[in-house]
Amino acid sequence: MNKSKYHKHDWHPADIIAALHKKGTSLAAVSRQAGLSSSTLANALNRPWPKGEWLIADAIAVHPAEIWPSRYYDPKTNRLIDRKKLIRSRS
């Protein structure tokens, strides 16, 4: 049976926080390093936000699709979605 990556479950928020702690940081610290309020990145744990997802994934050293496959794989084609282009740049 061929299981696609999309059928994996998203990481539980506690697992994301634990992965950050294993890397010696926290959600609040990553948030502050990005120039955000200490609680801002918590939004990415519960709702889609590409910028926050990439900040968290970079801190853990994995692709965000590994953490949130439901957000990064097209459910019909199982192809990786380029969500990085959805990040608004500072003008």
Protein backbone atom coordinates (compact mmCIF):
# COMPACT_ATOMS: atom_id res chain seq x y z
CA MET A 1 0.00 0.00 0.00
CA ASN A 2 1.42 3.37 -1.05
CA LYS A 3 0.88 6.01 1.61
CA SER A 4 1.58 9.58 0.55
CA LYS A 5 3.14 12.13 2.85
CA TYR A 6 -0.16 14.00 2.88
CA HIS A 7 -1.82 11.25 4.87
CA LYS A 8 0.52 11.83 7.79
CA HIS A 9 -1.01 13.77 10.63
CA ASP A 10 0.07 17.27 11.58
CA TRP A 11 2.30 17.40 14.62
CA HIS A 12 0.53 18.08 17.89
CA PRO A 13 1.30 21.60 19.20
CA ALA A 14 2.96 20.07 22.27
CA ASP A 15 5.30 18.10 19.98
CA ILE A 16 6.26 21.30 18.14
CA ILE A 17 7.01 23.04 21.44
CA ALA A 18 9.01 20.01 22.62
CA ALA A 19 11.02 20.01 19.37
CA LEU A 20 11.85 23.69 19.91
CA HIS A 21 12.95 22.95 23.49
CA LYS A 22 15.17 20.11 22.23
CA LYS A 23 16.85 22.69 19.98
CA GLY A 24 17.41 24.91 23.01
CA THR A 25 14.80 27.52 22.22
CA SER A 26 11.13 28.29 22.73
CA LEU A 27 8.20 29.57 20.72
CA ALA A 28 8.46 32.93 22.49
CA ALA A 29 12.21 33.20 21.81
CA VAL A 30 11.81 32.42 18.09
CA SER A 31 8.98 34.95 17.96
CA ARG A 32 11.08 37.68 19.59
CA GLN A 33 14.09 36.90 17.35
CA ALA A 34 11.83 37.51 14.35
CA GLY A 35 10.83 40.90 15.75
CA LEU A 36 7.37 39.73 16.77
CA SER A 37 5.55 39.80 20.07
CA SER A 38 6.47 36.80 22.20
CA SER A 39 3.04 35.20 21.78
CA THR A 40 2.55 35.87 18.05
CA LEU A 41 4.01 32.59 16.74
CA ALA A 42 1.51 30.61 18.79
CA ASN A 43 -1.01 31.53 16.06
CA ALA A 44 0.78 29.21 13.62
CA LEU A 45 0.15 26.24 15.90
CA ASN A 46 -3.61 26.43 15.38
CA ARG A 47 -4.22 28.22 12.10
CA PRO A 48 -2.43 28.50 8.76
CA TRP A 49 0.15 31.28 8.68
CA PRO A 50 3.02 30.61 6.25
CA LYS A 51 5.47 33.11 7.75
CA GLY A 52 5.05 31.68 11.25
CA GLU A 53 5.20 28.11 9.97
CA TRP A 54 8.53 28.78 8.25
CA LEU A 55 9.99 30.51 11.32
CA ILE A 56 9.08 27.53 13.50
CA ALA A 57 10.26 24.98 10.94
CA ASP A 58 13.59 26.78 10.46
CA ALA A 59 14.15 26.76 14.23
CA ILE A 60 13.51 23.00 14.32
CA ALA A 61 15.52 22.46 11.10
CA VAL A 62 12.76 20.70 9.15
CA HIS A 63 10.53 21.69 6.23
CA PRO A 64 7.14 23.00 7.40
CA ALA A 65 5.47 20.27 5.33
CA GLU A 66 6.88 17.74 7.79
CA ILE A 67 5.17 19.54 10.68
CA TRP A 68 1.93 20.47 8.88
CA PRO A 69 1.37 18.08 5.96
CA SER A 70 -2.31 19.10 5.81
CA ARG A 71 -1.22 22.65 4.98
CA TYR A 72 1.51 21.81 2.48
CA TYR A 73 0.18 18.96 0.37
CA ASP A 74 -2.68 19.25 -2.11
CA PRO A 75 -5.30 16.72 -0.97
CA LYS A 76 -6.24 15.83 -4.56
CA THR A 77 -2.79 15.49 -6.13
CA ASN A 78 -0.63 14.91 -3.01
CA ARG A 79 1.81 17.42 -4.50
CA LEU A 80 3.73 19.86 -2.33
CA ILE A 81 2.17 23.33 -2.32
CA ASP A 82 4.52 26.34 -2.46
CA ARG A 83 3.14 28.28 0.49
CA LYS A 84 6.29 30.40 0.81
CA LYS A 85 4.96 32.64 -1.96
CA LEU A 86 2.03 33.50 0.32
CA ILE A 87 4.34 35.29 2.77
CA ARG A 88 3.92 39.03 2.55
CA SER A 89 7.18 40.92 2.28
CA ARG A 90 7.82 44.07 4.25
CA SER A 91 7.56 47.10 1.99
